[in-house]
Amino acid sequence: MINYITAKKILKKSKIKMKDELIGSLKSLNRICSKSIYSPSNYPAGNNSAFDGYAIKSDDTKNFNRKKYKKFKILKSIAAGDNPKIKNVKKFESVELMTGALLPKQFDAVIPVEKIKFYPNSKKKYILLNKRVKKHANVRFLGSDYKKKDLIISAGTLIKSSHILAFKSLGIKNIFVKKKPKILFYSTGNEISEKNKINNWKVRNSNSHYIKSLSNNFLFNFVDGGILRDKDSFFLKKILTKKILSKADIIITSGAVSAGKYDFIPEVIKKLKLSNYFKNVAIRPGKPILFAKFKNKEKSFFGLPGNPLSTAACFRFFVYPYLLNILGVKAEKSLKARLKNNFRKKNNFTRFLKCKLTSTRNGNLIVEVLKGQESYKIKSFIKSNTWGLFEAGKSTFKKGQLINCYNNIETNKNIFY
């Protein structure tokens, strides 16, 4: 049995290669950018007005006397989206600009309409000024947000709605993203049933539906392979041999990985050609977890324990980091929180505990270990909003101690950073 740190190292070096694909930028939400994206143009595309107001030449006001107003003739009105070109601009002339309208090249300052006096008031043919106006006042400059070739997002970034806004604003039509890994999932066991009404010796199939639900807003495509029964070891080997050559990138099973009479997964896997392999990790829940990368193939296999929370924990701390790695995303960072209640565990085991993360009035994070940590218990998982990672090498954790916390992946979309 290996420790959790060693298992993570094996996973990291067992990376499979995922190809890139070119897609429309407007369809890229929740995909992983595979090539850094740079601005194809300046943004804003030209100097424009920060307010509804009037553009003038600042030099026309350099000798102004506060006691005497000067009339500036209003030549025309320019709205956002209008061609700003204008000819034959003379001294003491102005144009009306709407917010975002481009400045004609003859003008270099804008006065907000709230600060303008008109002459005559009824017809507004002139604006009246008696103060010096600084050059570039209330002007938004060409390229002041993005200059041409500025970096927008780096490779390995999860694309969010804010990125979609930027892509559209900057005229980026297509981008390269990592192809979504295809996960082929099998539940195992004679006790597993898809029926709603079952005998009390049967168990409803929840694990595959849990993993499938994660794929709706997540980093992979899910294919449900169905249920493998206790005598299906030959069938599994046949499936794996066939599917390894197919389009499935990762094969995952749930159950049949422990040491029982019908736990046939390890025996089948070890008969295949493997480049990396581990079975049993000093963790709870999920100790019997199995991993293998197939030799000379860009395919990998996870055998997860069958208890619901063992499946959830192992997906969270083994499969999910593996997905981030093969997609080129930086490793996730934990949150630090103060422990609310004392906790004891076995010294040589890493524990993944269902916890509740809250904050105090002064903003300090507090983490509470919830009751019901057994791998078959669902209630505490529903109440939790984070996983507490309690490292091996220590058995006693006292109130107030800092704990590494990892948010539940189904409830938090910001864990990629």
Protein backbone atom coordinates (compact mmCIF):
# COMPACT_ATOMS: atom_id res chain seq x y z
CA MET A 1 0.00 0.00 0.00
CA ILE A 2 1.36 3.40 -1.00
CA ASN A 3 0.72 6.81 0.54
CA TYR A 4 -1.33 9.59 -1.04
CA ILE A 5 1.70 11.70 -2.00
CA THR A 6 3.27 8.78 -3.89
CA ALA A 7 -0.03 8.08 -5.66
CA LYS A 8 -0.23 11.71 -6.80
CA LYS A 9 3.30 11.51 -8.22
CA ILE A 10 2.38 8.40 -10.21
CA LEU A 11 -0.71 10.13 -11.58
CA LYS A 12 1.31 13.19 -12.58
CA LYS A 13 3.86 11.21 -14.59
CA SER A 14 1.11 9.06 -16.16
CA LYS A 15 -0.27 11.95 -18.18
CA ILE A 16 -2.03 11.06 -21.43
CA LYS A 17 -1.94 13.46 -24.37
CA MET A 18 -5.11 15.33 -25.29
CA LYS A 19 -5.38 16.88 -28.75
CA ASP A 20 -6.42 20.44 -29.52
CA GLU A 21 -9.45 21.48 -31.55
CA LEU A 22 -10.50 24.76 -33.13
CA ILE A 23 -13.99 25.92 -32.10
CA GLY A 24 -16.06 29.08 -32.27
CA SER A 25 -15.16 31.40 -29.41
CA LEU A 26 -18.83 31.89 -28.53
CA LYS A 27 -19.14 28.14 -27.88
CA SER A 28 -16.05 27.89 -25.69
CA LEU A 29 -17.60 28.37 -22.23
CA ASN A 30 -16.13 25.93 -19.65
CA ARG A 31 -13.51 24.68 -22.10
CA ILE A 32 -9.75 24.79 -21.51
CA CYS A 33 -7.81 27.18 -23.71
CA SER A 34 -4.93 25.24 -25.29
CA LYS A 35 -3.07 28.11 -27.00
CA SER A 36 -2.57 31.55 -25.48
CA ILE A 37 -4.86 34.16 -27.05
CA TYR A 38 -3.67 37.65 -28.00
CA SER A 39 -5.65 40.69 -29.01
CA PRO A 40 -5.84 41.08 -32.80
CA SER A 41 -6.48 44.82 -32.54
CA ASN A 42 -6.41 47.86 -30.29
CA TYR A 43 -9.31 48.31 -27.90
CA PRO A 44 -10.81 50.84 -27.89
CA ALA A 45 -10.23 51.11 -31.64
CA GLY A 46 -9.89 54.90 -31.42
CA ASN A 47 -9.93 57.82 -28.98
CA ASN A 48 -13.49 58.23 -27.75
CA SER A 49 -15.58 60.17 -25.29
CA ALA A 50 -15.99 58.95 -21.71
CA PHE A 51 -19.22 60.99 -21.32
CA ASP A 52 -22.07 62.55 -23.20
CA GLY A 53 -20.60 66.00 -23.80
CA TYR A 54 -18.80 68.35 -26.17
CA ALA A 55 -15.39 68.00 -27.77
CA ILE A 56 -13.12 71.02 -28.11
CA LYS A 57 -9.49 71.87 -28.84
CA SER A 58 -7.86 72.44 -25.45
CA ASP A 59 -5.52 75.12 -26.88
CA ASP A 60 -8.56 77.29 -27.54
CA THR A 61 -9.00 77.66 -23.75
CA LYS A 62 -5.42 78.27 -22.60
CA ASN A 63 -5.87 82.04 -21.95
CA PHE A 64 -9.43 81.97 -20.67
CA ASN A 65 -10.62 84.41 -18.02
CA ARG A 66 -13.12 83.12 -15.46
CA LYS A 67 -14.94 86.47 -15.59
CA LYS A 68 -15.70 86.24 -19.28
CA TYR A 69 -17.37 83.46 -21.26
CA LYS A 70 -16.41 82.54 -24.80
CA LYS A 71 -18.83 81.08 -27.30
CA PHE A 72 -17.94 77.79 -29.10
CA LYS A 73 -20.07 77.02 -32.13
CA ILE A 74 -21.63 73.55 -32.19
CA LEU A 75 -20.90 72.09 -35.61
CA LYS A 76 -22.65 68.72 -35.41
CA SER A 77 -23.64 65.80 -33.20
CA ILE A 78 -21.76 62.49 -33.31
CA ALA A 79 -23.19 59.34 -31.72
CA ALA A 80 -21.38 56.13 -30.88
CA GLY A 81 -21.02 54.25 -34.16
CA ASP A 82 -21.04 57.39 -36.32
CA ASN A 83 -18.20 58.22 -38.68
CA PRO A 84 -16.27 60.95 -36.78
CA LYS A 85 -14.74 62.65 -39.82
CA ILE A 86 -15.32 66.39 -40.08
CA LYS A 87 -13.71 69.06 -42.26
CA ASN A 88 -12.72 72.69 -41.85
CA VAL A 89 -12.79 73.00 -38.07
CA LYS A 90 -11.97 76.53 -36.98
CA LYS A 91 -11.00 78.07 -33.68
CA PHE A 92 -13.70 78.12 -30.98
CA GLU A 93 -15.77 75.36 -32.52
CA SER A 94 -17.00 72.14 -31.00
CA VAL A 95 -18.96 68.97 -31.70
CA GLU A 96 -21.48 67.18 -29.53
CA LEU A 97 -20.41 63.62 -28.65
CA MET A 98 -22.32 60.74 -27.12
CA THR A 99 -20.53 58.36 -24.74
CA GLY A 100 -18.26 56.06 -26.74
CA ALA A 101 -18.34 58.22 -29.88
CA LEU A 102 -14.96 58.61 -31.57
CA LEU A 103 -13.30 62.01 -31.35
CA PRO A 104 -12.68 63.75 -34.66
CA LYS A 105 -8.90 64.09 -34.98
CA GLN A 106 -9.07 67.91 -34.67
CA PHE A 107 -10.30 67.71 -31.04
CA ASP A 108 -8.44 66.56 -27.92
CA ALA A 109 -10.73 67.11 -24.91
CA VAL A 110 -14.32 66.50 -23.84
CA ILE A 111 -16.50 68.48 -21.42
CA PRO A 112 -19.40 66.52 -19.85
CA VAL A 113 -22.81 67.91 -20.75
CA GLU A 114 -23.60 68.45 -17.04
CA LYS A 115 -20.90 71.14 -16.93
CA ILE A 116 -22.01 73.00 -20.08
CA LYS A 117 -23.85 76.30 -20.42
CA PHE A 118 -25.58 76.98 -23.72
CA TYR A 119 -26.26 80.05 -25.81
CA PRO A 120 -29.00 80.70 -26.48
CA ASN A 121 -30.62 78.35 -23.99
CA SER A 122 -33.61 77.62 -26.19
CA LYS A 123 -31.74 76.66 -29.41
CA LYS A 124 -28.30 75.56 -28.12
CA LYS A 125 -26.23 76.79 -31.03
CA TYR A 126 -23.17 77.52 -28.87
CA ILE A 127 -21.56 76.31 -25.67
CA LEU A 128 -20.12 78.86 -23.24
CA LEU A 129 -16.72 78.33 -21.59
CA ASN A 130 -14.70 80.49 -19.22
CA LYS A 131 -12.22 77.95 -17.78
CA ARG A 132 -9.15 76.31 -19.18
CA VAL A 133 -9.74 72.71 -20.22
CA LYS A 134 -6.85 70.26 -19.93
CA LYS A 135 -5.71 68.32 -22.95
CA HIS A 136 -7.18 64.79 -23.09
CA ALA A 137 -9.80 65.56 -20.43
CA ASN A 138 -12.47 62.82 -20.41
CA VAL A 139 -10.94 61.03 -23.39
CA ARG A 140 -10.64 57.25 -23.51
CA PHE A 141 -7.57 56.47 -25.57
CA LEU A 142 -7.05 54.07 -28.43
CA GLY A 143 -5.64 50.81 -27.03
CA SER A 144 -5.99 51.94 -23.41
CA ASP A 145 -7.59 48.61 -22.49
CA TYR A 146 -5.96 46.20 -24.95
CA LYS A 147 -3.17 47.00 -27.34
CA LYS A 148 -2.69 44.86 -30.41
CA LYS A 149 -0.88 41.59 -29.46
CA ASP A 150 -1.61 42.02 -25.72
CA LEU A 151 -2.21 38.70 -23.94
CA ILE A 152 -5.89 38.03 -23.22
CA ILE A 153 -5.69 34.59 -21.62
CA SER A 154 -2.94 32.02 -21.26
CA ALA A 155 -3.04 28.39 -22.31
CA GLY A 156 -4.51 26.24 -19.55
CA THR A 157 -7.21 28.77 -18.59
CA LEU A 158 -10.80 27.69 -18.02
CA ILE A 159 -12.91 29.91 -20.26
CA LYS A 160 -15.59 31.87 -18.40
CA SER A 161 -18.36 34.22 -19.49
CA SER A 162 -16.07 37.22 -18.98
CA HIS A 163 -13.71 35.74 -21.58
CA ILE A 164 -16.61 35.36 -24.03
CA LEU A 165 -17.31 39.07 -23.59
CA ALA A 166 -13.67 39.87 -24.38
CA PHE A 167 -13.54 37.57 -27.41
CA LYS A 168 -16.59 39.20 -28.95
CA SER A 169 -15.44 42.75 -28.12
CA LEU A 170 -12.04 42.13 -29.69
CA GLY A 171 -13.25 40.29 -32.78
CA ILE A 172 -11.89 36.83 -31.92
CA LYS A 173 -13.98 34.34 -33.87
CA ASN A 174 -12.24 30.99 -33.29
CA ILE A 175 -9.92 29.65 -30.60
CA PHE A 176 -7.99 26.47 -29.84
CA VAL A 177 -9.17 24.44 -26.86
CA LYS A 178 -8.28 21.03 -25.46
CA LYS A 179 -10.57 18.26 -26.58
CA LYS A 180 -12.76 17.02 -23.76
CA PRO A 181 -11.56 13.64 -22.46
CA LYS A 182 -14.12 10.92 -22.97
CA ILE A 183 -14.77 8.92 -19.81
CA LEU A 184 -16.30 5.47 -20.22
CA PHE A 185 -17.90 4.48 -16.91
CA TYR A 186 -19.00 1.07 -15.64
CA SER A 187 -20.79 0.26 -12.40
CA THR A 188 -20.14 -3.25 -11.03
CA GLY A 189 -21.91 -5.77 -8.83
CA ASN A 190 -24.91 -8.08 -8.79
CA GLU A 191 -26.53 -5.84 -6.20
CA ILE A 192 -26.61 -2.76 -8.46
CA SER A 193 -29.96 -1.90 -10.02
CA GLU A 194 -31.30 0.87 -12.24
CA LYS A 195 -34.84 0.29 -10.99
CA ASN A 196 -36.49 2.72 -8.60
CA LYS A 197 -38.42 0.07 -6.66
CA ILE A 198 -35.95 -2.54 -5.40
CA ASN A 199 -35.69 -5.38 -2.88
CA ASN A 200 -33.77 -4.57 0.29
CA TRP A 201 -30.83 -6.73 -0.83
CA LYS A 202 -30.36 -4.57 -3.92
CA VAL A 203 -28.71 -1.14 -4.25
CA ARG A 204 -29.76 1.66 -6.61
CA ASN A 205 -27.08 2.70 -9.06
CA SER A 206 -26.10 6.21 -7.94
CA ASN A 207 -22.38 6.45 -8.69
CA SER A 208 -22.64 6.57 -12.47
CA HIS A 209 -25.36 9.21 -12.27
CA TYR A 210 -23.26 11.30 -9.90
CA ILE A 211 -20.25 11.26 -12.25
CA LYS A 212 -22.49 11.91 -15.25
CA SER A 213 -23.98 14.96 -13.51
CA LEU A 214 -20.49 16.42 -13.09
CA SER A 215 -19.93 16.26 -16.83
CA ASN A 216 -22.81 18.68 -17.53
CA ASN A 217 -20.72 21.71 -16.57
CA PHE A 218 -17.33 20.11 -16.42
CA LEU A 219 -14.21 19.08 -18.31
CA PHE A 220 -15.16 15.72 -19.79
CA ASN A 221 -17.71 13.81 -21.84
CA PHE A 222 -19.43 10.92 -20.11
CA VAL A 223 -20.38 7.58 -21.63
CA ASP A 224 -22.34 5.16 -19.44
CA GLY A 225 -21.16 1.62 -20.18
CA GLY A 226 -23.82 0.07 -17.96
CA ILE A 227 -23.43 -2.46 -15.15
CA LEU A 228 -20.89 -5.29 -15.01
CA ARG A 229 -22.04 -8.27 -12.98
CA ASP A 230 -19.87 -10.36 -10.64
CA LYS A 231 -19.14 -13.00 -13.30
CA ASP A 232 -18.25 -10.51 -16.05
CA SER A 233 -14.44 -10.58 -15.72
CA PHE A 234 -13.98 -12.11 -19.18
CA PHE A 235 -16.43 -9.60 -20.62
CA LEU A 236 -14.52 -6.72 -18.97
CA LYS A 237 -11.23 -7.85 -20.48
CA LYS A 238 -12.90 -8.04 -23.88
CA ILE A 239 -14.38 -4.57 -23.40
CA LEU A 240 -11.07 -3.04 -22.35
CA THR A 241 -9.15 -4.59 -25.21
CA LYS A 242 -11.71 -3.25 -27.64
CA LYS A 243 -12.30 0.11 -26.01
CA ILE A 244 -8.61 0.90 -25.57
CA LEU A 245 -8.46 1.03 -29.35
CA SER A 246 -11.60 3.17 -29.52
CA LYS A 247 -12.21 6.82 -28.72
CA ALA A 248 -12.46 6.42 -24.92
CA ASP A 249 -9.60 8.24 -23.15
CA ILE A 250 -10.27 7.16 -19.56
CA ILE A 251 -12.11 4.05 -18.40
CA ILE A 252 -13.54 4.15 -14.88
CA THR A 253 -15.21 1.37 -12.91
CA SER A 254 -16.99 1.68 -9.59
CA GLY A 255 -16.78 -1.29 -7.21
CA ALA A 256 -15.13 -4.73 -7.39
CA VAL A 257 -11.63 -3.41 -6.54
CA SER A 258 -11.26 -4.65 -2.95
CA ALA A 259 -10.18 -8.13 -1.82
CA GLY A 260 -13.50 -9.95 -1.84
CA LYS A 261 -14.45 -13.09 -3.76
CA TYR A 262 -16.15 -11.13 -6.55
CA ASP A 263 -13.73 -8.20 -6.74
CA PHE A 264 -12.45 -9.09 -10.21
CA ILE A 265 -11.24 -5.69 -11.50
CA PRO A 266 -7.58 -5.86 -10.28
CA GLU A 267 -7.10 -9.37 -11.70
CA VAL A 268 -8.35 -8.29 -15.14
CA ILE A 269 -6.31 -5.09 -15.25
CA LYS A 270 -3.03 -6.71 -14.23
CA LYS A 271 -3.27 -9.08 -17.20
CA LEU A 272 -3.05 -6.12 -19.60
CA LYS A 273 0.09 -4.28 -20.68
CA LEU A 274 0.58 -1.43 -18.19
CA SER A 275 3.19 1.32 -17.89
CA ASN A 276 2.12 2.59 -14.47
CA TYR A 277 0.03 0.89 -11.83
CA PHE A 278 -0.99 1.22 -8.21
CA LYS A 279 -3.53 -0.56 -6.05
CA ASN A 280 -4.46 0.43 -2.49
CA VAL A 281 -3.58 3.86 -1.12
CA ALA A 282 -3.41 4.79 2.57
CA ILE A 283 -6.52 7.00 2.40
CA ARG A 284 -10.04 7.00 3.77
CA PRO A 285 -12.50 6.79 2.24
CA GLY A 286 -11.34 4.95 -0.87
CA LYS A 287 -8.39 2.78 0.20
CA PRO A 288 -8.85 0.07 -2.50
CA ILE A 289 -8.52 2.56 -5.39
CA LEU A 290 -6.72 1.28 -8.48
CA PHE A 291 -4.99 3.19 -11.29
CA ALA A 292 -3.21 2.07 -14.45
CA LYS A 293 -1.91 3.66 -17.63
CA PHE A 294 -1.88 1.37 -20.62
CA LYS A 295 1.52 0.82 -22.19
CA ASN A 296 2.16 2.65 -25.48
CA LYS A 297 -1.40 3.99 -25.54
CA GLU A 298 -2.89 7.33 -24.57
CA LYS A 299 -5.45 5.61 -22.35
CA SER A 300 -5.76 5.21 -18.60
CA PHE A 301 -7.93 3.33 -16.11
CA PHE A 302 -9.33 4.13 -12.67
CA GLY A 303 -10.94 1.49 -10.48
CA LEU A 304 -12.92 3.34 -7.81
CA PRO A 305 -14.42 1.70 -4.69
CA GLY A 306 -18.17 1.12 -4.82
CA ASN A 307 -19.43 2.93 -1.71
CA PRO A 308 -20.97 6.27 -2.84
CA LEU A 309 -18.69 8.53 -0.82
CA SER A 310 -15.61 6.48 -1.68
CA THR A 311 -16.44 7.03 -5.35
CA ALA A 312 -17.02 10.75 -4.77
CA ALA A 313 -13.82 11.23 -2.73
CA CYS A 314 -11.64 9.26 -5.15
CA PHE A 315 -13.03 11.13 -8.12
CA ARG A 316 -12.38 14.42 -6.31
CA PHE A 317 -8.80 13.67 -5.24
CA PHE A 318 -7.55 11.34 -7.98
CA VAL A 319 -9.57 11.61 -11.20
CA TYR A 320 -10.21 15.35 -11.05
CA PRO A 321 -6.53 16.36 -10.53
CA TYR A 322 -5.64 13.91 -13.30
CA LEU A 323 -8.10 15.68 -15.64
CA LEU A 324 -6.59 19.06 -14.82
CA ASN A 325 -3.11 17.71 -15.54
CA ILE A 326 -3.90 16.20 -18.94
CA LEU A 327 -5.74 19.39 -19.96
CA GLY A 328 -2.78 21.59 -19.06
CA VAL A 329 -4.42 23.37 -16.12
CA LYS A 330 -2.29 24.43 -13.16
CA ALA A 331 -2.61 22.30 -10.05
CA GLU A 332 -5.38 23.39 -7.72
CA LYS A 333 -4.54 25.29 -4.54
CA SER A 334 -6.27 24.61 -1.27
CA LEU A 335 -8.00 27.07 1.03
CA LYS A 336 -6.74 27.35 4.60
CA ALA A 337 -9.31 27.33 7.39
CA ARG A 338 -9.26 27.06 11.19
CA LEU A 339 -10.62 23.80 12.57
CA LYS A 340 -13.81 24.26 14.59
CA ASN A 341 -13.77 20.90 16.38
CA ASN A 342 -11.07 18.46 17.48
CA PHE A 343 -10.50 15.37 15.33
CA ARG A 344 -8.50 12.15 15.63
CA LYS A 345 -7.52 9.62 12.95
CA LYS A 346 -5.00 6.86 12.27
CA ASN A 347 -1.51 8.31 11.95
CA ASN A 348 -0.52 6.70 8.64
CA PHE A 349 -3.71 7.46 6.72
CA THR A 350 -4.73 10.58 4.79
CA ARG A 351 -8.39 11.39 5.44
CA PHE A 352 -10.78 13.18 3.09
CA LEU A 353 -13.50 14.49 5.39
CA LYS A 354 -16.88 15.98 4.58
CA CYS A 355 -16.83 19.44 6.13
CA LYS A 356 -18.72 22.70 6.41
CA LEU A 357 -16.78 25.87 5.55
CA THR A 358 -18.03 29.17 7.01
CA SER A 359 -16.59 32.57 7.79
CA THR A 360 -16.66 34.68 10.94
CA ARG A 361 -17.81 38.29 11.06
CA ASN A 362 -14.24 39.45 10.68
CA GLY A 363 -13.69 37.25 7.62
CA ASN A 364 -11.78 34.30 9.09
CA LEU A 365 -12.53 30.90 7.52
CA ILE A 366 -13.73 28.14 9.85
CA VAL A 367 -14.02 24.46 8.90
CA GLU A 368 -16.19 21.98 10.81
CA VAL A 369 -15.82 18.21 10.48
CA LEU A 370 -19.37 16.90 10.10
CA LYS A 371 -20.79 13.81 11.77
CA GLY A 372 -21.29 10.74 9.57
CA GLN A 373 -17.94 10.25 7.84
CA GLU A 374 -18.57 6.61 6.92
CA SER A 375 -18.25 5.95 3.19
CA TYR A 376 -21.85 4.77 2.81
CA LYS A 377 -23.38 7.85 4.47
CA ILE A 378 -24.83 10.45 2.12
CA LYS A 379 -26.45 12.91 4.55
CA SER A 380 -23.19 14.56 5.62
CA PHE A 381 -22.15 14.93 1.96
CA ILE A 382 -25.36 16.86 1.29
CA LYS A 383 -24.64 19.17 4.24
CA SER A 384 -20.99 19.72 3.29
CA ASN A 385 -19.56 22.39 1.01
CA THR A 386 -15.89 21.43 1.22
CA TRP A 387 -13.52 18.52 1.73
CA GLY A 388 -11.03 18.75 4.55
CA LEU A 389 -7.72 17.04 3.78
CA PHE A 390 -6.15 15.67 6.96
CA GLU A 391 -2.61 14.55 6.06
CA ALA A 392 -0.87 11.35 7.04
CA GLY A 393 1.84 11.55 9.70
CA LYS A 394 -0.41 13.05 12.34
CA SER A 395 -3.26 11.57 14.36
CA THR A 396 -4.54 14.49 16.47
CA PHE A 397 -5.93 17.71 15.03
CA LYS A 398 -6.92 20.36 17.52
CA LYS A 399 -9.46 23.16 17.40
CA GLY A 400 -7.93 26.29 15.81
CA GLN A 401 -5.41 24.38 13.69
CA LEU A 402 -5.14 25.35 10.00
CA ILE A 403 -6.58 22.71 7.66
CA ASN A 404 -6.32 22.39 3.86
CA CYS A 405 -9.77 22.59 2.31
CA TYR A 406 -10.88 21.69 -1.22
CA ASN A 407 -14.29 22.83 -2.36
CA ASN A 408 -16.86 20.41 -3.72
CA ILE A 409 -16.38 20.36 -7.49
CA GLU A 410 -20.10 20.20 -8.22
CA THR A 411 -20.79 23.44 -6.35
CA ASN A 412 -17.74 25.58 -7.12
CA LYS A 413 -16.64 26.67 -10.59
CA ASN A 414 -13.72 28.75 -9.44
CA ILE A 415 -11.51 25.90 -8.26
CA PHE A 416 -9.46 25.97 -11.44
CA TYR A 417 -7.41 28.92 -10.21
